[in-house]
Amino acid sequence: GIFCLRNAIAPSSMFAGLLVEEGHILVDRAMKTNYDGCFACG
């Protein structure tokens, strides 16, 4: 087995189905992702 212990985990690795493009979470003007109730910022 292999354990990767890092300061940050890619959001797409944590959250299956989250839409990401070129390493960035896709959001609209309200910072909404493709999941209702889920928002992203920064």
PDB file of all heavy atoms in Angstrom:
ATOM      1  N   GLY A   1       0.824  -1.197   0.000  1.00  0.00           N
ATOM      2  CA  GLY A   1       0.000   0.000   0.000  1.00  0.00           C
ATOM      3  C   GLY A   1       0.856   1.244   0.000  1.00  0.00           C
ATOM      4  O   GLY A   1       2.041   1.201   0.354  1.00  0.00           O
ATOM      5  N   ILE A   2       0.266   2.364  -0.403  1.00  0.00           N
ATOM      6  CA  ILE A   2       0.991   3.627  -0.508  1.00  0.00           C
ATOM      7  C   ILE A   2       0.152   4.733   0.128  1.00  0.00           C
ATOM      8  O   ILE A   2      -1.021   4.918  -0.227  1.00  0.00           O
ATOM      9  CB  ILE A   2       1.278   3.979  -1.980  1.00  0.00           C
ATOM     10  CG1 ILE A   2       2.142   2.895  -2.619  1.00  0.00           C
ATOM     11  CG2 ILE A   2       1.964   5.348  -2.093  1.00  0.00           C
ATOM     12  CD1 ILE A   2       2.116   2.886  -4.121  1.00  0.00           C
ATOM     13  N   PHE A   3       0.732   5.453   1.081  1.00  0.00           N
ATOM     14  CA  PHE A   3       0.056   6.566   1.744  1.00  0.00           C
ATOM     15  C   PHE A   3       0.689   7.869   1.279  1.00  0.00           C
ATOM     16  O   PHE A   3       1.905   8.047   1.390  1.00  0.00           O
ATOM     17  CB  PHE A   3       0.164   6.444   3.264  1.00  0.00           C
ATOM     18  CG  PHE A   3      -0.719   5.380   3.848  1.00  0.00           C
ATOM     19  CD1 PHE A   3      -0.324   4.049   3.832  1.00  0.00           C
ATOM     20  CD2 PHE A   3      -1.944   5.702   4.401  1.00  0.00           C
ATOM     21  CE1 PHE A   3      -1.146   3.054   4.351  1.00  0.00           C
ATOM     22  CE2 PHE A   3      -2.774   4.725   4.921  1.00  0.00           C
ATOM     23  CZ  PHE A   3      -2.375   3.393   4.897  1.00  0.00           C
ATOM     24  N   CYS A   4      -0.132   8.774   0.752  1.00  0.00           N
ATOM     25  CA  CYS A   4       0.326  10.090   0.320  1.00  0.00           C
ATOM     26  C   CYS A   4      -0.201  11.116   1.316  1.00  0.00           C
ATOM     27  O   CYS A   4      -1.400  11.407   1.331  1.00  0.00           O
ATOM     28  CB  CYS A   4      -0.175  10.396  -1.083  1.00  0.00           C
ATOM     29  SG  CYS A   4       0.404   9.239  -2.349  1.00  0.00           S
ATOM     30  N   LEU A   5       0.670  11.630   2.158  1.00  0.00           N
ATOM     31  CA  LEU A   5       0.282  12.569   3.214  1.00  0.00           C
ATOM     32  C   LEU A   5       0.772  13.955   2.818  1.00  0.00           C
ATOM     33  O   LEU A   5       1.955  14.271   2.925  1.00  0.00           O
ATOM     34  CB  LEU A   5       0.888  12.138   4.555  1.00  0.00           C
ATOM     35  CG  LEU A   5       0.622  10.680   4.967  1.00  0.00           C
ATOM     36  CD1 LEU A   5       1.299  10.381   6.304  1.00  0.00           C
ATOM     37  CD2 LEU A   5      -0.874  10.401   5.048  1.00  0.00           C
ATOM     38  N   ARG A   6      -0.166  14.779   2.355  1.00  0.00           N
ATOM     39  CA  ARG A   6       0.201  16.088   1.831  1.00  0.00           C
ATOM     40  C   ARG A   6      -0.632  17.186   2.488  1.00  0.00           C
ATOM     41  O   ARG A   6      -1.686  16.933   3.059  1.00  0.00           O
ATOM     42  CB  ARG A   6      -0.029  16.142   0.324  1.00  0.00           C
ATOM     43  CG  ARG A   6       0.751  15.110  -0.481  1.00  0.00           C
ATOM     44  CD  ARG A   6       0.703  15.479  -1.948  1.00  0.00           C
ATOM     45  NE  ARG A   6       1.329  14.493  -2.787  1.00  0.00           N
ATOM     46  CZ  ARG A   6       0.662  13.542  -3.442  1.00  0.00           C
ATOM     47  NH1 ARG A   6      -0.661  13.491  -3.327  1.00  0.00           N
ATOM     48  NH2 ARG A   6       1.294  12.683  -4.199  1.00  0.00           N
ATOM     49  N   ASN A   7      -0.129  18.430   2.332  1.00  0.00           N
ATOM     50  CA  ASN A   7      -0.839  19.592   2.868  1.00  0.00           C
ATOM     51  C   ASN A   7      -2.165  19.810   2.182  1.00  0.00           C
ATOM     52  O   ASN A   7      -3.092  20.357   2.771  1.00  0.00           O
ATOM     53  CB  ASN A   7       0.019  20.849   2.702  1.00  0.00           C
ATOM     54  CG  ASN A   7       1.107  20.919   3.742  1.00  0.00           C
ATOM     55  OD1 ASN A   7       0.912  20.499   4.860  1.00  0.00           O
ATOM     56  ND2 ASN A   7       2.257  21.441   3.372  1.00  0.00           N
ATOM     57  N   ALA A   8      -2.260  19.434   0.929  1.00  0.00           N
ATOM     58  CA  ALA A   8      -3.487  19.656   0.171  1.00  0.00           C
ATOM     59  C   ALA A   8      -3.810  18.442  -0.675  1.00  0.00           C
ATOM     60  O   ALA A   8      -2.919  17.755  -1.158  1.00  0.00           O
ATOM     61  CB  ALA A   8      -3.344  20.891  -0.727  1.00  0.00           C
ATOM     62  N   ILE A   9      -5.091  18.183  -0.812  1.00  0.00           N
ATOM     63  CA  ILE A   9      -5.577  17.105  -1.669  1.00  0.00           C
ATOM     64  C   ILE A   9      -6.424  17.746  -2.756  1.00  0.00           C
ATOM     65  O   ILE A   9      -7.255  18.628  -2.483  1.00  0.00           O
ATOM     66  CB  ILE A   9      -6.413  16.094  -0.866  1.00  0.00           C
ATOM     67  CG1 ILE A   9      -5.561  15.461   0.238  1.00  0.00           C
ATOM     68  CG2 ILE A   9      -6.980  15.004  -1.770  1.00  0.00           C
ATOM     69  CD1 ILE A   9      -6.351  14.596   1.198  1.00  0.00           C
ATOM     70  N   ALA A  10      -6.213  17.333  -3.983  1.00  0.00           N
ATOM     71  CA  ALA A  10      -6.985  17.893  -5.089  1.00  0.00           C
ATOM     72  C   ALA A  10      -8.471  17.697  -4.830  1.00  0.00           C
ATOM     73  O   ALA A  10      -8.905  16.604  -4.482  1.00  0.00           O
ATOM     74  CB  ALA A  10      -6.585  17.212  -6.396  1.00  0.00           C
ATOM     75  N   PRO A  11      -9.282  18.767  -4.977  1.00  0.00           N
ATOM     76  CA  PRO A  11     -10.722  18.646  -4.724  1.00  0.00           C
ATOM     77  C   PRO A  11     -11.385  17.516  -5.498  1.00  0.00           C
ATOM     78  O   PRO A  11     -12.273  16.841  -4.989  1.00  0.00           O
ATOM     79  CB  PRO A  11     -11.266  20.019  -5.171  1.00  0.00           C
ATOM     80  CG  PRO A  11     -10.114  20.944  -4.994  1.00  0.00           C
ATOM     81  CD  PRO A  11      -8.902  20.139  -5.341  1.00  0.00           C
ATOM     82  N   SER A  12     -10.940  17.290  -6.741  1.00  0.00           N
ATOM     83  CA  SER A  12     -11.538  16.224  -7.544  1.00  0.00           C
ATOM     84  C   SER A  12     -11.229  14.851  -6.981  1.00  0.00           C
ATOM     85  O   SER A  12     -11.978  13.894  -7.216  1.00  0.00           O
ATOM     86  CB  SER A  12     -11.046  16.319  -8.993  1.00  0.00           C
ATOM     87  OG  SER A  12      -9.626  16.278  -9.045  1.00  0.00           O
ATOM     88  N   SER A  13     -10.127  14.727  -6.222  1.00  0.00           N
ATOM     89  CA  SER A  13      -9.796  13.453  -5.573  1.00  0.00           C
ATOM     90  C   SER A  13     -10.644  13.243  -4.328  1.00  0.00           C
ATOM     91  O   SER A  13     -10.995  12.120  -3.986  1.00  0.00           O
ATOM     92  CB  SER A  13      -8.307  13.409  -5.189  1.00  0.00           C
ATOM     93  OG  SER A  13      -7.487  13.441  -6.343  1.00  0.00           O
ATOM     94  N   MET A  14     -10.964  14.342  -3.634  1.00  0.00           N
ATOM     95  CA  MET A  14     -11.803  14.250  -2.441  1.00  0.00           C
ATOM     96  C   MET A  14     -13.261  14.025  -2.790  1.00  0.00           C
ATOM     97  O   MET A  14     -13.990  13.352  -2.070  1.00  0.00           O
ATOM     98  CB  MET A  14     -11.708  15.546  -1.615  1.00  0.00           C
ATOM     99  CG  MET A  14     -10.414  15.771  -0.910  1.00  0.00           C
ATOM    100  SD  MET A  14     -10.559  17.162   0.252  1.00  0.00           S
ATOM    101  CE  MET A  14     -10.676  18.568  -0.854  1.00  0.00           C
ATOM    102  N   PHE A  15     -13.702  14.627  -3.886  1.00  0.00           N
ATOM    103  CA  PHE A  15     -15.124  14.726  -4.191  1.00  0.00           C
ATOM    104  C   PHE A  15     -15.384  14.205  -5.601  1.00  0.00           C
ATOM    105  O   PHE A  15     -15.233  14.930  -6.588  1.00  0.00           O
ATOM    106  CB  PHE A  15     -15.546  16.192  -4.065  1.00  0.00           C
ATOM    107  CG  PHE A  15     -17.037  16.422  -3.956  1.00  0.00           C
ATOM    108  CD1 PHE A  15     -17.528  17.705  -3.784  1.00  0.00           C
ATOM    109  CD2 PHE A  15     -17.945  15.379  -4.019  1.00  0.00           C
ATOM    110  CE1 PHE A  15     -18.895  17.945  -3.680  1.00  0.00           C
ATOM    111  CE2 PHE A  15     -19.302  15.599  -3.926  1.00  0.00           C
ATOM    112  CZ  PHE A  15     -19.780  16.876  -3.755  1.00  0.00           C
ATOM    113  N   ALA A  16     -15.783  12.945  -5.691  1.00  0.00           N
ATOM    114  CA  ALA A  16     -16.043  12.330  -6.992  1.00  0.00           C
ATOM    115  C   ALA A  16     -17.184  13.052  -7.707  1.00  0.00           C
ATOM    116  O   ALA A  16     -18.206  13.373  -7.104  1.00  0.00           O
ATOM    117  CB  ALA A  16     -16.398  10.855  -6.816  1.00  0.00           C
ATOM    118  N   GLY A  17     -16.987  13.331  -8.982  1.00  0.00           N
ATOM    119  CA  GLY A  17     -18.026  13.968  -9.782  1.00  0.00           C
ATOM    120  C   GLY A  17     -17.960  15.479  -9.820  1.00  0.00           C
ATOM    121  O   GLY A  17     -18.695  16.119 -10.586  1.00  0.00           O
ATOM    122  N   LEU A  18     -17.091  16.085  -9.000  1.00  0.00           N
ATOM    123  CA  LEU A  18     -16.945  17.540  -9.009  1.00  0.00           C
ATOM    124  C   LEU A  18     -16.321  17.964 -10.331  1.00  0.00           C
ATOM    125  O   LEU A  18     -15.272  17.445 -10.734  1.00  0.00           O
ATOM    126  CB  LEU A  18     -16.061  17.986  -7.839  1.00  0.00           C
ATOM    127  CG  LEU A  18     -15.865  19.491  -7.650  1.00  0.00           C
ATOM    128  CD1 LEU A  18     -17.167  20.140  -7.184  1.00  0.00           C
ATOM    129  CD2 LEU A  18     -14.747  19.755  -6.638  1.00  0.00           C
ATOM    130  N   LEU A  19     -16.952  18.902 -11.014  1.00  0.00           N
ATOM    131  CA  LEU A  19     -16.441  19.332 -12.315  1.00  0.00           C
ATOM    132  C   LEU A  19     -15.233  20.249 -12.152  1.00  0.00           C
ATOM    133  O   LEU A  19     -15.295  21.283 -11.470  1.00  0.00           O
ATOM    134  CB  LEU A  19     -17.539  20.043 -13.105  1.00  0.00           C
ATOM    135  CG  LEU A  19     -18.671  19.154 -13.644  1.00  0.00           C
ATOM    136  CD1 LEU A  19     -19.626  19.964 -14.504  1.00  0.00           C
ATOM    137  CD2 LEU A  19     -18.116  17.970 -14.433  1.00  0.00           C
ATOM    138  N   VAL A  20     -14.144  19.848 -12.788  1.00  0.00           N
ATOM    139  CA  VAL A  20     -12.883  20.579 -12.717  1.00  0.00           C
ATOM    140  C   VAL A  20     -12.342  20.740 -14.137  1.00  0.00           C
ATOM    141  O   VAL A  20     -12.448  19.827 -14.965  1.00  0.00           O
ATOM    142  CB  VAL A  20     -11.860  19.815 -11.841  1.00  0.00           C
ATOM    143  CG1 VAL A  20     -10.501  20.483 -11.892  1.00  0.00           C
ATOM    144  CG2 VAL A  20     -12.350  19.727 -10.402  1.00  0.00           C
ATOM    145  N   GLU A  21     -11.764  21.892 -14.411  1.00  0.00           N
ATOM    146  CA  GLU A  21     -11.158  22.144 -15.721  1.00  0.00           C
ATOM    147  C   GLU A  21      -9.775  22.734 -15.519  1.00  0.00           C
ATOM    148  O   GLU A  21      -9.616  23.761 -14.860  1.00  0.00           O
ATOM    149  CB  GLU A  21     -12.035  23.106 -16.522  1.00  0.00           C
ATOM    150  CG  GLU A  21     -11.572  23.303 -17.964  1.00  0.00           C
ATOM    151  CD  GLU A  21     -12.533  24.183 -18.737  1.00  0.00           C
ATOM    152  OE1 GLU A  21     -12.338  25.429 -18.715  1.00  0.00           O
ATOM    153  OE2 GLU A  21     -13.477  23.647 -19.342  1.00  0.00           O
ATOM    154  N   GLU A  22      -8.774  22.056 -16.070  1.00  0.00           N
ATOM    155  CA  GLU A  22      -7.380  22.489 -15.943  1.00  0.00           C
ATOM    156  C   GLU A  22      -6.991  22.722 -14.488  1.00  0.00           C
ATOM    157  O   GLU A  22      -6.318  23.705 -14.149  1.00  0.00           O
ATOM    158  CB  GLU A  22      -7.115  23.744 -16.792  1.00  0.00           C
ATOM    159  CG  GLU A  22      -7.294  23.503 -18.279  1.00  0.00           C
ATOM    160  CD  GLU A  22      -6.999  24.730 -19.114  1.00  0.00           C
ATOM    161  OE1 GLU A  22      -6.781  25.820 -18.524  1.00  0.00           O
ATOM    162  OE2 GLU A  22      -6.978  24.614 -20.346  1.00  0.00           O
ATOM    163  N   GLY A  23      -7.468  21.845 -13.619  1.00  0.00           N
ATOM    164  CA  GLY A  23      -7.098  21.896 -12.209  1.00  0.00           C
ATOM    165  C   GLY A  23      -7.911  22.842 -11.359  1.00  0.00           C
ATOM    166  O   GLY A  23      -7.666  22.958 -10.152  1.00  0.00           O
ATOM    167  N   HIS A  24      -8.887  23.540 -11.953  1.00  0.00           N
ATOM    168  CA  HIS A  24      -9.695  24.504 -11.207  1.00  0.00           C
ATOM    169  C   HIS A  24     -11.150  24.058 -11.169  1.00  0.00           C
ATOM    170  O   HIS A  24     -11.683  23.523 -12.141  1.00  0.00           O
ATOM    171  CB  HIS A  24      -9.606  25.891 -11.851  1.00  0.00           C
ATOM    172  CG  HIS A  24      -8.225  26.464 -11.867  1.00  0.00           C
ATOM    173  ND1 HIS A  24      -7.610  26.896 -13.012  1.00  0.00           N
ATOM    174  CD2 HIS A  24      -7.339  26.657 -10.861  1.00  0.00           C
ATOM    175  CE1 HIS A  24      -6.401  27.352 -12.724  1.00  0.00           C
ATOM    176  NE2 HIS A  24      -6.210  27.215 -11.419  1.00  0.00           N
ATOM    177  N   ILE A  25     -11.815  24.320 -10.040  1.00  0.00           N
ATOM    178  CA  ILE A  25     -13.224  23.968  -9.879  1.00  0.00           C
ATOM    179  C   ILE A  25     -14.075  24.915 -10.716  1.00  0.00           C
ATOM    180  O   ILE A  25     -13.913  26.138 -10.658  1.00  0.00           O
ATOM    181  CB  ILE A  25     -13.642  24.059  -8.397  1.00  0.00           C
ATOM    182  CG1 ILE A  25     -12.778  23.136  -7.530  1.00  0.00           C
ATOM    183  CG2 ILE A  25     -15.117  23.698  -8.224  1.00  0.00           C
ATOM    184  CD1 ILE A  25     -12.969  23.333  -6.036  1.00  0.00           C
ATOM    185  N   LEU A  26     -14.985  24.353 -11.497  1.00  0.00           N
ATOM    186  CA  LEU A  26     -15.871  25.171 -12.323  1.00  0.00           C
ATOM    187  C   LEU A  26     -16.999  25.753 -11.471  1.00  0.00           C
ATOM    188  O   LEU A  26     -17.695  25.019 -10.774  1.00  0.00           O
ATOM    189  CB  LEU A  26     -16.456  24.333 -13.461  1.00  0.00           C
ATOM    190  CG  LEU A  26     -15.465  23.909 -14.555  1.00  0.00           C
ATOM    191  CD1 LEU A  26     -16.166  23.012 -15.574  1.00  0.00           C
ATOM    192  CD2 LEU A  26     -14.866  25.125 -15.253  1.00  0.00           C
ATOM    193  N   VAL A  27     -17.160  27.069 -11.525  1.00  0.00           N
ATOM    194  CA  VAL A  27     -18.212  27.752 -10.769  1.00  0.00           C
ATOM    195  C   VAL A  27     -18.890  28.790 -11.655  1.00  0.00           C
ATOM    196  O   VAL A  27     -18.337  29.219 -12.676  1.00  0.00           O
ATOM    197  CB  VAL A  27     -17.655  28.456  -9.508  1.00  0.00           C
ATOM    198  CG1 VAL A  27     -17.131  27.457  -8.501  1.00  0.00           C
ATOM    199  CG2 VAL A  27     -16.564  29.466  -9.886  1.00  0.00           C
ATOM    200  N   ASP A  28     -20.095  29.206 -11.219  1.00  0.00           N
ATOM    201  CA  ASP A  28     -20.765  30.306 -11.914  1.00  0.00           C
ATOM    202  C   ASP A  28     -20.561  31.601 -11.124  1.00  0.00           C
ATOM    203  O   ASP A  28     -19.754  31.647 -10.193  1.00  0.00           O
ATOM    204  CB  ASP A  28     -22.246  29.984 -12.132  1.00  0.00           C
ATOM    205  CG  ASP A  28     -23.031  29.833 -10.824  1.00  0.00           C
ATOM    206  OD1 ASP A  28     -22.499  30.204  -9.753  1.00  0.00           O
ATOM    207  OD2 ASP A  28     -24.168  29.347 -10.877  1.00  0.00           O
ATOM    208  N   ARG A  29     -21.297  32.638 -11.473  1.00  0.00           N
ATOM    209  CA  ARG A  29     -21.113  33.938 -10.815  1.00  0.00           C
ATOM    210  C   ARG A  29     -21.483  33.910  -9.331  1.00  0.00           C
ATOM    211  O   ARG A  29     -21.011  34.733  -8.555  1.00  0.00           O
ATOM    212  CB  ARG A  29     -21.968  34.995 -11.525  1.00  0.00           C
ATOM    213  CG  ARG A  29     -21.459  35.383 -12.888  1.00  0.00           C
ATOM    214  CD  ARG A  29     -20.358  36.402 -12.810  1.00  0.00           C
ATOM    215  NE  ARG A  29     -20.804  37.669 -12.252  1.00  0.00           N
ATOM    216  CZ  ARG A  29     -19.984  38.663 -11.909  1.00  0.00           C
ATOM    217  NH1 ARG A  29     -18.685  38.518 -12.030  1.00  0.00           N
ATOM    218  NH2 ARG A  29     -20.469  39.796 -11.426  1.00  0.00           N
ATOM    219  N   ALA A  30     -22.311  32.944  -8.949  1.00  0.00           N
ATOM    220  CA  ALA A  30     -22.693  32.804  -7.542  1.00  0.00           C
ATOM    221  C   ALA A  30     -21.748  31.852  -6.804  1.00  0.00           C
ATOM    222  O   ALA A  30     -22.003  31.492  -5.666  1.00  0.00           O
ATOM    223  CB  ALA A  30     -24.130  32.303  -7.433  1.00  0.00           C
ATOM    224  N   MET A  31     -20.654  31.460  -7.462  1.00  0.00           N
ATOM    225  CA  MET A  31     -19.649  30.535  -6.932  1.00  0.00           C
ATOM    226  C   MET A  31     -20.207  29.115  -6.747  1.00  0.00           C
ATOM    227  O   MET A  31     -19.666  28.319  -6.004  1.00  0.00           O
ATOM    228  CB  MET A  31     -19.046  31.045  -5.603  1.00  0.00           C
ATOM    229  CG  MET A  31     -18.595  32.493  -5.612  1.00  0.00           C
ATOM    230  SD  MET A  31     -17.693  33.007  -7.122  1.00  0.00           S
ATOM    231  CE  MET A  31     -16.275  31.945  -7.083  1.00  0.00           C
ATOM    232  N   LYS A  32     -21.297  28.810  -7.445  1.00  0.00           N
ATOM    233  CA  LYS A  32     -21.923  27.491  -7.366  1.00  0.00           C
ATOM    234  C   LYS A  32     -21.175  26.506  -8.251  1.00  0.00           C
ATOM    235  O   LYS A  32     -20.828  26.804  -9.388  1.00  0.00           O
ATOM    236  CB  LYS A  32     -23.390  27.574  -7.795  1.00  0.00           C
ATOM    237  CG  LYS A  32     -24.141  26.249  -7.753  1.00  0.00           C
ATOM    238  CD  LYS A  32     -25.572  26.420  -8.255  1.00  0.00           C
ATOM    239  CE  LYS A  32     -26.304  25.077  -8.284  1.00  0.00           C
ATOM    240  NZ  LYS A  32     -25.682  24.123  -9.237  1.00  0.00           N
ATOM    241  N   THR A  33     -20.939  25.301  -7.728  1.00  0.00           N
ATOM    242  CA  THR A  33     -20.335  24.221  -8.499  1.00  0.00           C
ATOM    243  C   THR A  33     -21.452  23.442  -9.206  1.00  0.00           C
ATOM    244  O   THR A  33     -22.608  23.855  -9.206  1.00  0.00           O
ATOM    245  CB  THR A  33     -19.551  23.273  -7.579  1.00  0.00           C
ATOM    246  OG1 THR A  33     -20.478  22.527  -6.763  1.00  0.00           O
ATOM    247  CG2 THR A  33     -18.593  24.053  -6.677  1.00  0.00           C
ATOM    248  N   ASN A  34     -21.109  22.304  -9.768  1.00  0.00           N
ATOM    249  CA  ASN A  34     -22.127  21.479 -10.432  1.00  0.00           C
ATOM    250  C   ASN A  34     -23.028  20.747  -9.449  1.00  0.00           C
ATOM    251  O   ASN A  34     -24.000  20.111  -9.856  1.00  0.00           O
ATOM    252  CB  ASN A  34     -21.467  20.470 -11.379  1.00  0.00           C
ATOM    253  CG  ASN A  34     -20.506  19.521 -10.683  1.00  0.00           C
ATOM    254  OD1 ASN A  34     -19.531  19.953 -10.082  1.00  0.00           O
ATOM    255  ND2 ASN A  34     -20.754  18.230 -10.783  1.00  0.00           N
ATOM    256  N   TYR A  35     -22.723  20.818  -8.146  1.00  0.00           N
ATOM    257  CA  TYR A  35     -23.570  20.212  -7.120  1.00  0.00           C
ATOM    258  C   TYR A  35     -24.392  21.291  -6.419  1.00  0.00           C
ATOM    259  O   TYR A  35     -23.835  22.280  -5.940  1.00  0.00           O
ATOM    260  CB  TYR A  35     -22.722  19.478  -6.070  1.00  0.00           C
ATOM    261  CG  TYR A  35     -22.212  18.131  -6.505  1.00  0.00           C
ATOM    262  CD1 TYR A  35     -20.867  17.952  -6.807  1.00  0.00           C
ATOM    263  CD2 TYR A  35     -23.056  17.032  -6.595  1.00  0.00           C
ATOM    264  CE1 TYR A  35     -20.377  16.709  -7.189  1.00  0.00           C
ATOM    265  CE2 TYR A  35     -22.592  15.785  -6.980  1.00  0.00           C
ATOM    266  CZ  TYR A  35     -21.247  15.637  -7.281  1.00  0.00           C
ATOM    267  OH  TYR A  35     -20.781  14.408  -7.663  1.00  0.00           O
ATOM    268  N   ASP A  36     -25.699  21.095  -6.345  1.00  0.00           N
ATOM    269  CA  ASP A  36     -26.547  22.022  -5.607  1.00  0.00           C
ATOM    270  C   ASP A  36     -26.107  22.081  -4.140  1.00  0.00           C
ATOM    271  O   ASP A  36     -25.925  21.041  -3.504  1.00  0.00           O
ATOM    272  CB  ASP A  36     -28.015  21.577  -5.666  1.00  0.00           C
ATOM    273  CG  ASP A  36     -28.639  21.833  -7.032  1.00  0.00           C
ATOM    274  OD1 ASP A  36     -28.088  22.662  -7.780  1.00  0.00           O
ATOM    275  OD2 ASP A  36     -29.665  21.195  -7.337  1.00  0.00           O
ATOM    276  N   GLY A  37     -25.939  23.284  -3.633  1.00  0.00           N
ATOM    277  CA  GLY A  37     -25.533  23.454  -2.237  1.00  0.00           C
ATOM    278  C   GLY A  37     -24.039  23.467  -2.026  1.00  0.00           C
ATOM    279  O   GLY A  37     -23.574  23.686  -0.908  1.00  0.00           O
ATOM    280  N   CYS A  38     -23.274  23.248  -3.084  1.00  0.00           N
ATOM    281  CA  CYS A  38     -21.808  23.271  -2.982  1.00  0.00           C
ATOM    282  C   CYS A  38     -21.263  24.462  -3.746  1.00  0.00           C
ATOM    283  O   CYS A  38     -21.578  24.656  -4.926  1.00  0.00           O
ATOM    284  CB  CYS A  38     -21.216  21.974  -3.532  1.00  0.00           C
ATOM    285  SG  CYS A  38     -19.394  21.941  -3.537  1.00  0.00           S
ATOM    286  N   PHE A  39     -20.427  25.251  -3.054  1.00  0.00           N
ATOM    287  CA  PHE A  39     -19.862  26.464  -3.635  1.00  0.00           C
ATOM    288  C   PHE A  39     -18.346  26.434  -3.454  1.00  0.00           C
ATOM    289  O   PHE A  39     -17.828  25.694  -2.621  1.00  0.00           O
ATOM    290  CB  PHE A  39     -20.473  27.698  -2.967  1.00  0.00           C
ATOM    291  CG  PHE A  39     -21.984  27.700  -3.013  1.00  0.00           C
ATOM    292  CD1 PHE A  39     -22.730  27.070  -2.016  1.00  0.00           C
ATOM    293  CD2 PHE A  39     -22.656  28.297  -4.068  1.00  0.00           C
ATOM    294  CE1 PHE A  39     -24.116  27.044  -2.065  1.00  0.00           C
ATOM    295  CE2 PHE A  39     -24.052  28.275  -4.124  1.00  0.00           C
ATOM    296  CZ  PHE A  39     -24.782  27.644  -3.127  1.00  0.00           C
ATOM    297  N   ALA A  40     -17.641  27.213  -4.237  1.00  0.00           N
ATOM    298  CA  ALA A  40     -16.182  27.257  -4.146  1.00  0.00           C
ATOM    299  C   ALA A  40     -15.700  28.683  -4.292  1.00  0.00           C
ATOM    300  O   ALA A  40     -16.382  29.531  -4.899  1.00  0.00           O
ATOM    301  CB  ALA A  40     -15.552  26.362  -5.210  1.00  0.00           C
ATOM    302  N   CYS A  41     -14.516  28.969  -3.741  1.00  0.00           N
ATOM    303  CA  CYS A  41     -13.988  30.333  -3.806  1.00  0.00           C
ATOM    304  C   CYS A  41     -12.475  30.317  -3.678  1.00  0.00           C
ATOM    305  O   CYS A  41     -11.879  29.369  -3.167  1.00  0.00           O
ATOM    306  CB  CYS A  41     -14.600  31.203  -2.704  1.00  0.00           C
ATOM    307  SG  CYS A  41     -14.280  30.622  -1.018  1.00  0.00           S
ATOM    308  N   GLY A  42     -11.851  31.391  -4.147  1.00  0.00           N
ATOM    309  CA  GLY A  42     -10.407  31.541  -4.000  1.00  0.00           C
ATOM    310  C   GLY A  42      -9.616  30.937  -5.146  1.00  0.00           C
ATOM    311  O   GLY A  42     -10.132  30.736  -6.253  1.00  0.00           O
TER     312      GLY A  42
END
